[in-house]
């Protein structure tokens, strides 16, 4: 199987379950930005072990759900599966529970935060800012009628809060870094 198809040489890309849009379409901007966040989280995960590694991996997998839904025209949303390719309210609820649990175990600092004390924490902060950009793109989609509801916007908004808290935990060194490979 070849990786290249040449179908995108005209500046368009295919959506899940059919249809093509321009590569600079709001939809491709949104799911492409989500994909960037997945990669930034991969930079963090590569430096983490144990619980923190698992939390980052779970977040990456949830972002695949977000990306799949954003890459599907709303006419085909009925074909999507909850928490596999469609965001659910329960996903937002779990983020809130995760935020609350992390803050309870690791209170937030009382001053402004400058990322960069730990490479993994800095990568999580990078992912957080990328998620904010994805959120802005989904807000634009919602405003132009490409999204029938605000669930993905709510998820991304909550996710950026979750990543902020997670990065603070990692920045404090409250994790076990991976052994040298």
N, C-alpha and C. Protein backbone atom coordinates (compact mmCIF):
# COMPACT_ATOMS: atom_id res chain seq x y z
N UNK A 1 0.84 -1.19 0.00
CA UNK A 1 0.00 0.00 0.00
C UNK A 1 0.89 1.25 0.00
N UNK A 2 0.58 2.16 -0.87
CA UNK A 2 1.33 3.41 -0.94
C UNK A 2 0.71 4.43 0.01
N UNK A 3 1.56 5.23 0.61
CA UNK A 3 1.12 6.27 1.52
C UNK A 3 0.49 7.43 0.75
N UNK A 4 1.02 7.71 -0.39
CA UNK A 4 0.51 8.84 -1.16
C UNK A 4 -0.57 8.39 -2.14
N UNK A 5 -1.58 9.26 -2.29
CA UNK A 5 -2.69 8.94 -3.21
C UNK A 5 -2.73 9.93 -4.37
N UNK A 6 -2.15 11.09 -4.19
CA UNK A 6 -2.12 12.18 -5.16
C UNK A 6 -3.47 12.88 -5.29
N UNK A 7 -4.49 12.39 -4.55
CA UNK A 7 -5.81 13.04 -4.64
C UNK A 7 -5.79 14.43 -4.04
N UNK A 8 -4.86 14.68 -3.11
CA UNK A 8 -4.79 15.99 -2.48
C UNK A 8 -3.95 16.99 -3.23
N UNK A 9 -3.42 16.59 -4.37
CA UNK A 9 -2.58 17.50 -5.14
C UNK A 9 -3.35 18.71 -5.65
N UNK A 10 -4.67 18.62 -5.67
CA UNK A 10 -5.49 19.76 -6.12
C UNK A 10 -5.85 20.69 -4.98
N UNK A 11 -5.31 20.44 -3.77
CA UNK A 11 -5.57 21.31 -2.63
C UNK A 11 -6.80 20.93 -1.83
N UNK A 12 -7.32 19.72 -2.08
CA UNK A 12 -8.47 19.25 -1.31
C UNK A 12 -8.07 18.01 -0.52
N UNK A 13 -8.92 17.67 0.44
CA UNK A 13 -8.70 16.47 1.24
C UNK A 13 -10.03 15.77 1.48
N UNK A 14 -9.96 14.48 1.68
CA UNK A 14 -11.18 13.70 1.90
C UNK A 14 -11.61 13.71 3.35
N UNK A 15 -12.94 13.70 3.55
CA UNK A 15 -13.51 13.60 4.88
C UNK A 15 -13.85 12.15 5.16
N UNK A 16 -13.97 11.82 6.44
CA UNK A 16 -14.44 10.48 6.80
C UNK A 16 -15.85 10.30 6.27
N UNK A 17 -16.16 9.14 5.81
CA UNK A 17 -17.48 8.79 5.28
C UNK A 17 -17.86 9.58 4.04
N UNK A 18 -16.87 10.18 3.38
CA UNK A 18 -17.10 10.79 2.08
C UNK A 18 -17.13 12.30 2.08
N UNK A 19 -16.91 12.81 0.89
CA UNK A 19 -16.87 14.26 0.68
C UNK A 19 -15.44 14.76 0.67
N UNK A 20 -15.24 15.87 0.00
CA UNK A 20 -13.93 16.51 -0.06
C UNK A 20 -14.11 17.98 0.27
N UNK A 21 -13.10 18.54 0.90
CA UNK A 21 -13.08 19.96 1.23
C UNK A 21 -11.69 20.50 0.94
N UNK A 22 -11.59 21.81 0.83
CA UNK A 22 -10.29 22.44 0.65
C UNK A 22 -9.42 22.19 1.88
N UNK A 23 -8.12 22.12 1.67
CA UNK A 23 -7.21 21.87 2.78
C UNK A 23 -7.14 23.04 3.76
N UNK A 24 -7.61 24.20 3.35
CA UNK A 24 -7.66 25.32 4.28
C UNK A 24 -9.07 25.58 4.80
N UNK A 25 -9.96 24.62 4.65
CA UNK A 25 -11.31 24.70 5.18
C UNK A 25 -11.27 24.79 6.71
N UNK A 26 -12.26 25.43 7.30
CA UNK A 26 -12.30 25.52 8.76
C UNK A 26 -12.24 24.13 9.40
N UNK A 27 -12.89 23.18 8.79
CA UNK A 27 -12.92 21.81 9.34
C UNK A 27 -11.51 21.21 9.36
N UNK A 28 -10.79 21.32 8.25
CA UNK A 28 -9.44 20.74 8.21
C UNK A 28 -8.50 21.50 9.13
N UNK A 29 -8.73 22.80 9.28
CA UNK A 29 -7.94 23.58 10.23
C UNK A 29 -8.17 23.06 11.64
N UNK A 30 -9.41 22.79 12.00
CA UNK A 30 -9.73 22.32 13.35
C UNK A 30 -9.15 20.94 13.62
N UNK A 31 -9.41 19.97 12.73
CA UNK A 31 -8.91 18.63 13.04
C UNK A 31 -7.41 18.53 12.84
N UNK A 32 -6.85 19.34 11.97
CA UNK A 32 -5.40 19.37 11.83
C UNK A 32 -4.73 19.94 13.06
N UNK A 33 -5.35 20.91 13.67
CA UNK A 33 -4.82 21.49 14.90
C UNK A 33 -4.92 20.49 16.05
N UNK A 34 -6.01 19.74 16.10
CA UNK A 34 -6.13 18.67 17.10
C UNK A 34 -5.00 17.67 16.91
N UNK A 35 -4.69 17.34 15.66
CA UNK A 35 -3.61 16.40 15.37
C UNK A 35 -2.27 16.95 15.86
N UNK A 36 -2.06 18.25 15.73
CA UNK A 36 -0.83 18.86 16.26
C UNK A 36 -0.74 18.66 17.76
N UNK A 37 -1.85 18.82 18.45
CA UNK A 37 -1.86 18.64 19.90
C UNK A 37 -1.53 17.20 20.28
N UNK A 38 -2.03 16.25 19.50
CA UNK A 38 -1.71 14.84 19.75
C UNK A 38 -0.20 14.64 19.67
N UNK A 39 0.43 15.25 18.68
CA UNK A 39 1.89 15.12 18.53
C UNK A 39 2.64 15.78 19.68
N UNK A 40 2.20 16.95 20.09
CA UNK A 40 2.85 17.62 21.22
C UNK A 40 2.72 16.77 22.49
N UNK A 41 1.56 16.16 22.67
CA UNK A 41 1.38 15.28 23.82
C UNK A 41 2.28 14.04 23.70
N UNK A 42 2.54 13.61 22.49
CA UNK A 42 3.47 12.50 22.29
C UNK A 42 4.88 12.86 22.76
N UNK A 43 5.27 14.12 22.57
CA UNK A 43 6.57 14.57 23.07
C UNK A 43 6.61 14.46 24.59
N UNK A 44 5.51 14.81 25.23
CA UNK A 44 5.45 14.70 26.69
C UNK A 44 5.46 13.24 27.12
N UNK A 45 4.62 12.44 26.50
CA UNK A 45 4.47 11.04 26.89
C UNK A 45 5.78 10.27 26.75
N UNK A 46 6.58 10.61 25.75
CA UNK A 46 7.86 9.93 25.53
C UNK A 46 8.82 10.13 26.70
N UNK A 47 8.54 11.10 27.56
CA UNK A 47 9.41 11.40 28.70
C UNK A 47 8.82 10.96 30.03
N UNK A 48 7.66 10.35 29.99
CA UNK A 48 6.95 10.01 31.22
C UNK A 48 6.77 8.51 31.39
N UNK A 49 6.64 8.10 32.63
CA UNK A 49 6.33 6.72 32.97
C UNK A 49 5.10 6.71 33.87
N UNK A 50 4.58 5.54 34.09
CA UNK A 50 3.54 5.35 35.10
C UNK A 50 2.28 6.12 34.84
N UNK A 51 1.73 6.65 35.90
CA UNK A 51 0.43 7.33 35.87
C UNK A 51 0.41 8.49 34.87
N UNK A 52 1.45 9.32 34.88
CA UNK A 52 1.46 10.49 34.00
C UNK A 52 1.48 10.05 32.54
N UNK A 53 2.28 9.05 32.23
CA UNK A 53 2.32 8.48 30.87
C UNK A 53 0.92 8.04 30.47
N UNK A 54 0.25 7.31 31.36
CA UNK A 54 -1.07 6.76 31.05
C UNK A 54 -2.12 7.86 30.86
N UNK A 55 -2.04 8.92 31.67
CA UNK A 55 -2.98 10.03 31.53
C UNK A 55 -2.80 10.75 30.19
N UNK A 56 -1.55 10.94 29.80
CA UNK A 56 -1.28 11.60 28.51
C UNK A 56 -1.74 10.71 27.36
N UNK A 57 -1.46 9.42 27.43
CA UNK A 57 -1.90 8.50 26.37
C UNK A 57 -3.42 8.49 26.26
N UNK A 58 -4.11 8.46 27.38
CA UNK A 58 -5.58 8.48 27.35
C UNK A 58 -6.08 9.76 26.69
N UNK A 59 -5.42 10.87 26.96
CA UNK A 59 -5.80 12.14 26.36
C UNK A 59 -5.57 12.11 24.85
N UNK A 60 -4.45 11.56 24.42
CA UNK A 60 -4.20 11.44 22.98
C UNK A 60 -5.30 10.62 22.31
N UNK A 61 -5.69 9.54 22.93
CA UNK A 61 -6.74 8.70 22.35
C UNK A 61 -8.07 9.43 22.28
N UNK A 62 -8.38 10.23 23.29
CA UNK A 62 -9.61 11.01 23.27
C UNK A 62 -9.57 12.04 22.13
N UNK A 63 -8.39 12.57 21.87
CA UNK A 63 -8.27 13.55 20.79
C UNK A 63 -8.49 12.91 19.42
N UNK A 64 -8.21 11.62 19.29
CA UNK A 64 -8.55 10.94 18.04
C UNK A 64 -10.06 10.91 17.84
N UNK A 65 -10.81 10.81 18.92
CA UNK A 65 -12.27 10.86 18.84
C UNK A 65 -12.71 12.23 18.34
N UNK A 66 -12.14 13.28 18.93
CA UNK A 66 -12.46 14.65 18.52
C UNK A 66 -12.12 14.85 17.05
N UNK A 67 -10.91 14.44 16.66
CA UNK A 67 -10.48 14.60 15.28
C UNK A 67 -11.38 13.87 14.30
N UNK A 68 -11.79 12.67 14.65
CA UNK A 68 -12.67 11.90 13.76
C UNK A 68 -14.00 12.62 13.56
N UNK A 69 -14.56 13.15 14.63
CA UNK A 69 -15.83 13.85 14.48
C UNK A 69 -15.68 15.13 13.66
N UNK A 70 -14.60 15.85 13.91
CA UNK A 70 -14.37 17.07 13.14
C UNK A 70 -14.11 16.77 11.66
N UNK A 71 -13.57 15.60 11.36
CA UNK A 71 -13.26 15.22 9.99
C UNK A 71 -14.43 14.56 9.28
N UNK A 72 -15.60 14.59 9.89
CA UNK A 72 -16.80 13.99 9.31
C UNK A 72 -17.84 15.07 9.07
N UNK A 73 -18.36 15.12 7.86
CA UNK A 73 -19.44 16.06 7.57
C UNK A 73 -20.63 15.72 8.45
N UNK A 74 -21.33 16.73 8.93
CA UNK A 74 -22.45 16.49 9.85
C UNK A 74 -23.53 15.60 9.24
N UNK A 75 -23.63 15.56 7.92
CA UNK A 75 -24.59 14.65 7.28
C UNK A 75 -24.29 13.18 7.60
N UNK A 76 -23.06 12.89 8.00
CA UNK A 76 -22.64 11.52 8.27
C UNK A 76 -22.44 11.23 9.76
N UNK A 77 -22.79 12.19 10.62
CA UNK A 77 -22.58 12.00 12.05
C UNK A 77 -23.36 10.80 12.60
N UNK A 78 -24.46 10.44 11.98
CA UNK A 78 -25.23 9.28 12.45
C UNK A 78 -24.40 7.99 12.35
N UNK A 79 -23.37 7.99 11.52
CA UNK A 79 -22.51 6.82 11.36
C UNK A 79 -21.42 6.74 12.44
N UNK A 80 -21.28 7.80 13.21
CA UNK A 80 -20.22 7.84 14.23
C UNK A 80 -20.65 7.07 15.47
N UNK A 81 -19.66 6.57 16.19
CA UNK A 81 -19.90 5.83 17.43
C UNK A 81 -19.45 6.66 18.63
N UNK A 82 -20.30 6.70 19.65
CA UNK A 82 -19.97 7.44 20.86
C UNK A 82 -18.62 7.00 21.43
N UNK A 83 -17.79 7.99 21.71
CA UNK A 83 -16.48 7.83 22.34
C UNK A 83 -15.49 7.02 21.52
N UNK A 84 -15.86 6.72 20.28
CA UNK A 84 -14.94 6.11 19.32
C UNK A 84 -14.66 7.13 18.23
N UNK A 85 -15.72 7.76 17.74
CA UNK A 85 -15.59 8.78 16.70
C UNK A 85 -16.54 9.95 16.94
N UNK A 86 -17.21 9.98 18.11
CA UNK A 86 -18.12 11.08 18.45
C UNK A 86 -17.91 11.44 19.92
N UNK A 87 -17.75 12.73 20.18
CA UNK A 87 -17.59 13.26 21.53
C UNK A 87 -18.93 13.16 22.26
N UNK A 88 -18.86 12.81 23.54
CA UNK A 88 -20.07 12.69 24.35
C UNK A 88 -19.99 13.63 25.56
N UNK A 89 -21.13 13.95 26.14
CA UNK A 89 -21.11 14.74 27.38
C UNK A 89 -20.31 14.03 28.50
N UNK A 90 -20.33 12.71 28.52
CA UNK A 90 -19.58 11.98 29.54
C UNK A 90 -18.08 12.25 29.42
N UNK A 91 -17.59 12.48 28.21
CA UNK A 91 -16.17 12.80 28.03
C UNK A 91 -15.84 14.13 28.69
N UNK A 92 -16.74 15.10 28.57
CA UNK A 92 -16.54 16.40 29.23
C UNK A 92 -16.58 16.20 30.74
N UNK A 93 -17.54 15.43 31.22
CA UNK A 93 -17.66 15.16 32.65
C UNK A 93 -16.39 14.51 33.21
N UNK A 94 -15.83 13.56 32.48
CA UNK A 94 -14.61 12.90 32.96
C UNK A 94 -13.43 13.86 33.02
N UNK A 95 -13.37 14.80 32.09
CA UNK A 95 -12.31 15.81 32.17
C UNK A 95 -12.46 16.64 33.44
N UNK A 96 -13.68 17.05 33.73
CA UNK A 96 -13.92 17.83 34.95
C UNK A 96 -13.53 17.04 36.19
N UNK A 97 -13.89 15.77 36.22
CA UNK A 97 -13.52 14.91 37.35
C UNK A 97 -12.00 14.78 37.45
N UNK A 98 -11.35 14.65 36.31
CA UNK A 98 -9.89 14.56 36.30
C UNK A 98 -9.23 15.82 36.80
N UNK A 99 -9.75 16.97 36.40
CA UNK A 99 -9.23 18.25 36.87
C UNK A 99 -9.37 18.33 38.38
N UNK A 100 -10.57 18.04 38.87
CA UNK A 100 -10.82 18.13 40.31
C UNK A 100 -9.92 17.19 41.10
N UNK A 101 -9.72 15.96 40.61
CA UNK A 101 -8.88 14.99 41.31
C UNK A 101 -7.42 15.45 41.34
N UNK A 102 -6.93 15.95 40.21
CA UNK A 102 -5.54 16.41 40.17
C UNK A 102 -5.32 17.61 41.08
N UNK A 103 -6.25 18.55 41.06
CA UNK A 103 -6.10 19.75 41.89
C UNK A 103 -6.17 19.39 43.37
N UNK A 104 -7.02 18.42 43.70
CA UNK A 104 -7.12 17.99 45.10
C UNK A 104 -5.80 17.38 45.56
N UNK A 105 -5.18 16.58 44.70
CA UNK A 105 -3.92 15.92 45.06
C UNK A 105 -2.71 16.85 44.94
N UNK A 106 -2.79 17.79 44.01
CA UNK A 106 -1.66 18.66 43.70
C UNK A 106 -2.19 20.09 43.53
N UNK A 107 -2.36 20.84 44.64
CA UNK A 107 -2.91 22.20 44.53
C UNK A 107 -2.14 23.06 43.53
N UNK A 108 -2.88 23.94 42.87
CA UNK A 108 -2.27 24.81 41.85
C UNK A 108 -1.45 25.91 42.51
N UNK A 109 -0.42 26.38 41.81
CA UNK A 109 0.39 27.49 42.35
C UNK A 109 -0.44 28.77 42.37
N UNK A 110 -0.07 29.67 43.28
CA UNK A 110 -0.80 30.92 43.43
C UNK A 110 -0.26 32.05 42.58
N UNK A 111 0.73 31.79 41.76
CA UNK A 111 1.32 32.84 40.93
C UNK A 111 1.25 32.44 39.46
N UNK A 112 1.58 33.41 38.59
CA UNK A 112 1.62 33.11 37.17
C UNK A 112 2.65 32.03 36.90
N UNK A 113 2.37 31.22 35.91
CA UNK A 113 3.20 30.07 35.60
C UNK A 113 4.01 30.35 34.34
N UNK A 114 5.29 30.08 34.42
CA UNK A 114 6.16 30.14 33.26
C UNK A 114 6.55 28.69 32.93
N UNK A 115 6.02 28.14 31.85
CA UNK A 115 6.32 26.75 31.52
C UNK A 115 7.81 26.55 31.22
N UNK A 116 8.27 25.33 31.44
CA UNK A 116 9.61 24.99 31.02
C UNK A 116 10.51 24.40 32.09
N UNK A 117 10.00 24.14 33.27
CA UNK A 117 10.85 23.54 34.30
C UNK A 117 11.19 22.09 33.96
N UNK A 118 10.28 21.40 33.32
CA UNK A 118 10.49 20.02 32.91
C UNK A 118 10.11 19.90 31.44
N UNK A 119 10.88 19.19 30.63
CA UNK A 119 10.53 19.04 29.21
C UNK A 119 9.11 18.48 29.00
N UNK A 120 8.73 17.49 29.77
CA UNK A 120 7.39 16.90 29.58
C UNK A 120 6.30 17.91 29.91
N UNK A 121 6.50 18.68 30.98
CA UNK A 121 5.52 19.71 31.33
C UNK A 121 5.42 20.78 30.27
N UNK A 122 6.56 21.16 29.72
CA UNK A 122 6.55 22.16 28.65
C UNK A 122 5.81 21.64 27.42
N UNK A 123 5.99 20.35 27.10
CA UNK A 123 5.28 19.76 25.96
C UNK A 123 3.78 19.73 26.21
N UNK A 124 3.38 19.46 27.44
CA UNK A 124 1.95 19.48 27.77
C UNK A 124 1.41 20.90 27.64
N UNK A 125 2.18 21.88 28.10
CA UNK A 125 1.75 23.27 27.93
C UNK A 125 1.66 23.66 26.46
N UNK A 126 2.58 23.18 25.66
CA UNK A 126 2.50 23.42 24.22
C UNK A 126 1.20 22.83 23.67
N UNK A 127 0.89 21.60 24.07
CA UNK A 127 -0.35 20.96 23.63
C UNK A 127 -1.56 21.78 24.08
N UNK A 128 -1.50 22.32 25.29
CA UNK A 128 -2.61 23.15 25.80
C UNK A 128 -2.85 24.35 24.90
N UNK A 129 -1.79 25.01 24.49
CA UNK A 129 -1.97 26.19 23.63
C UNK A 129 -2.46 25.80 22.25
N UNK A 130 -2.03 24.64 21.77
CA UNK A 130 -2.51 24.15 20.48
C UNK A 130 -4.01 23.81 20.59
N UNK A 131 -4.42 23.25 21.71
CA UNK A 131 -5.84 22.96 21.92
C UNK A 131 -6.64 24.25 21.94
N UNK A 132 -6.10 25.29 22.52
CA UNK A 132 -6.80 26.59 22.50
C UNK A 132 -7.02 27.05 21.05
N UNK A 133 -6.02 26.83 20.20
CA UNK A 133 -6.17 27.19 18.78
C UNK A 133 -7.23 26.32 18.12
N UNK A 134 -7.24 25.03 18.44
CA UNK A 134 -8.28 24.13 17.91
C UNK A 134 -9.66 24.58 18.38
N UNK A 135 -9.73 25.02 19.61
CA UNK A 135 -11.00 25.52 20.14
C UNK A 135 -11.48 26.73 19.35
N UNK A 136 -10.56 27.64 19.05
CA UNK A 136 -10.94 28.82 18.25
C UNK A 136 -11.45 28.40 16.87
N UNK A 137 -10.82 27.40 16.28
CA UNK A 137 -11.26 26.92 14.96
C UNK A 137 -12.64 26.27 15.06
N UNK A 138 -12.92 25.55 16.13
CA UNK A 138 -14.24 24.93 16.27
C UNK A 138 -15.31 25.97 16.58
N UNK A 139 -14.94 27.02 17.27
CA UNK A 139 -15.88 28.13 17.49
C UNK A 139 -16.24 28.75 16.13
N UNK A 140 -15.25 28.94 15.28
CA UNK A 140 -15.52 29.47 13.94
C UNK A 140 -16.41 28.51 13.15
N UNK A 141 -16.18 27.21 13.29
CA UNK A 141 -17.05 26.23 12.62
C UNK A 141 -18.47 26.35 13.13
N UNK A 142 -18.62 26.47 14.41
CA UNK A 142 -19.96 26.58 15.02
C UNK A 142 -20.65 27.84 14.51
N UNK A 143 -19.91 28.93 14.48
CA UNK A 143 -20.48 30.22 14.06
C UNK A 143 -20.94 30.18 12.60
N UNK A 144 -20.26 29.40 11.77
CA UNK A 144 -20.62 29.34 10.35
C UNK A 144 -21.57 28.19 10.02
N UNK A 145 -22.03 27.49 11.04
CA UNK A 145 -23.01 26.43 10.83
C UNK A 145 -22.44 25.06 10.51
N UNK A 146 -21.12 24.88 10.65
CA UNK A 146 -20.52 23.58 10.36
C UNK A 146 -20.64 22.60 11.53
N UNK A 147 -21.00 23.10 12.70
CA UNK A 147 -21.22 22.24 13.87
C UNK A 147 -22.64 22.50 14.39
N UNK A 148 -23.43 21.46 14.58
CA UNK A 148 -24.81 21.65 15.02
C UNK A 148 -24.95 21.94 16.51
N UNK A 149 -23.89 21.70 17.29
CA UNK A 149 -23.95 21.97 18.73
C UNK A 149 -22.57 22.39 19.23
N UNK A 150 -22.49 22.68 20.51
CA UNK A 150 -21.22 23.18 21.05
C UNK A 150 -20.45 22.14 21.86
N UNK A 151 -20.78 20.88 21.74
CA UNK A 151 -20.15 19.85 22.56
C UNK A 151 -18.64 19.75 22.34
N UNK A 152 -18.20 19.79 21.10
CA UNK A 152 -16.76 19.72 20.85
C UNK A 152 -16.07 20.96 21.40
N UNK A 153 -16.68 22.11 21.28
CA UNK A 153 -16.10 23.34 21.84
C UNK A 153 -15.96 23.19 23.35
N UNK A 154 -17.01 22.69 24.01
CA UNK A 154 -16.96 22.48 25.46
C UNK A 154 -15.86 21.49 25.83
N UNK A 155 -15.75 20.41 25.06
CA UNK A 155 -14.71 19.41 25.34
C UNK A 155 -13.32 20.06 25.25
N UNK A 156 -13.06 20.77 24.18
CA UNK A 156 -11.74 21.38 23.99
C UNK A 156 -11.45 22.43 25.06
N UNK A 157 -12.46 23.18 25.44
CA UNK A 157 -12.28 24.18 26.49
C UNK A 157 -11.89 23.50 27.80
N UNK A 158 -12.59 22.44 28.15
CA UNK A 158 -12.29 21.71 29.37
C UNK A 158 -10.93 21.02 29.28
N UNK A 159 -10.60 20.51 28.09
CA UNK A 159 -9.32 19.84 27.91
C UNK A 159 -8.16 20.79 28.15
N UNK A 160 -8.27 22.01 27.69
CA UNK A 160 -7.16 22.95 27.92
C UNK A 160 -6.97 23.20 29.41
N UNK A 161 -8.07 23.24 30.17
CA UNK A 161 -7.95 23.37 31.63
C UNK A 161 -7.27 22.14 32.23
N UNK A 162 -7.67 20.97 31.77
CA UNK A 162 -7.09 19.72 32.24
C UNK A 162 -5.59 19.69 31.96
N UNK A 163 -5.20 20.08 30.76
CA UNK A 163 -3.79 20.07 30.40
C UNK A 163 -3.00 21.08 31.22
N UNK A 164 -3.61 22.21 31.55
CA UNK A 164 -2.95 23.19 32.40
C UNK A 164 -2.61 22.56 33.74
N UNK A 165 -3.60 21.89 34.34
CA UNK A 165 -3.41 21.26 35.64
C UNK A 165 -2.38 20.13 35.54
N UNK A 166 -2.49 19.31 34.53
CA UNK A 166 -1.56 18.19 34.35
C UNK A 166 -0.13 18.71 34.19
N UNK A 167 0.04 19.76 33.41
CA UNK A 167 1.38 20.32 33.22
C UNK A 167 1.95 20.85 34.53
N UNK A 168 1.11 21.43 35.38
CA UNK A 168 1.59 21.93 36.67
C UNK A 168 2.11 20.78 37.54
N UNK A 169 1.40 19.66 37.51
CA UNK A 169 1.86 18.50 38.27
C UNK A 169 3.22 18.03 37.77
N UNK A 170 3.36 17.96 36.46
CA UNK A 170 4.60 17.49 35.87
C UNK A 170 5.72 18.52 36.07
N UNK A 171 5.40 19.80 35.94
CA UNK A 171 6.41 20.85 36.13
C UNK A 171 7.00 20.83 37.53
N UNK A 172 6.19 20.46 38.49
CA UNK A 172 6.69 20.40 39.88
C UNK A 172 7.59 19.20 40.10
N UNK A 173 7.71 18.38 39.08
CA UNK A 173 8.53 17.19 39.24
C UNK A 173 7.80 16.06 39.94
N UNK A 174 6.48 16.15 39.99
CA UNK A 174 5.68 15.14 40.67
C UNK A 174 5.38 13.98 39.72
N UNK A 175 6.41 13.49 39.10
CA UNK A 175 6.30 12.35 38.22
C UNK A 175 7.64 11.63 38.22
N UNK A 176 7.64 10.46 37.70
CA UNK A 176 8.89 9.70 37.58
C UNK A 176 9.28 9.72 36.10
N UNK A 177 10.39 10.37 35.77
CA UNK A 177 10.79 10.42 34.35
C UNK A 177 11.22 9.05 33.86
N UNK A 178 11.16 8.87 32.55
CA UNK A 178 11.58 7.60 31.97
C UNK A 178 13.07 7.42 32.16
N UNK A 179 13.47 6.20 32.22
CA UNK A 179 14.90 5.88 32.30
C UNK A 179 15.54 6.20 30.95
N UNK A 180 16.82 6.48 30.99
CA UNK A 180 17.55 6.72 29.74
C UNK A 180 17.45 5.47 28.87
N UNK A 181 17.22 5.65 27.61
CA UNK A 181 17.08 4.50 26.70
C UNK A 181 18.39 4.23 26.01
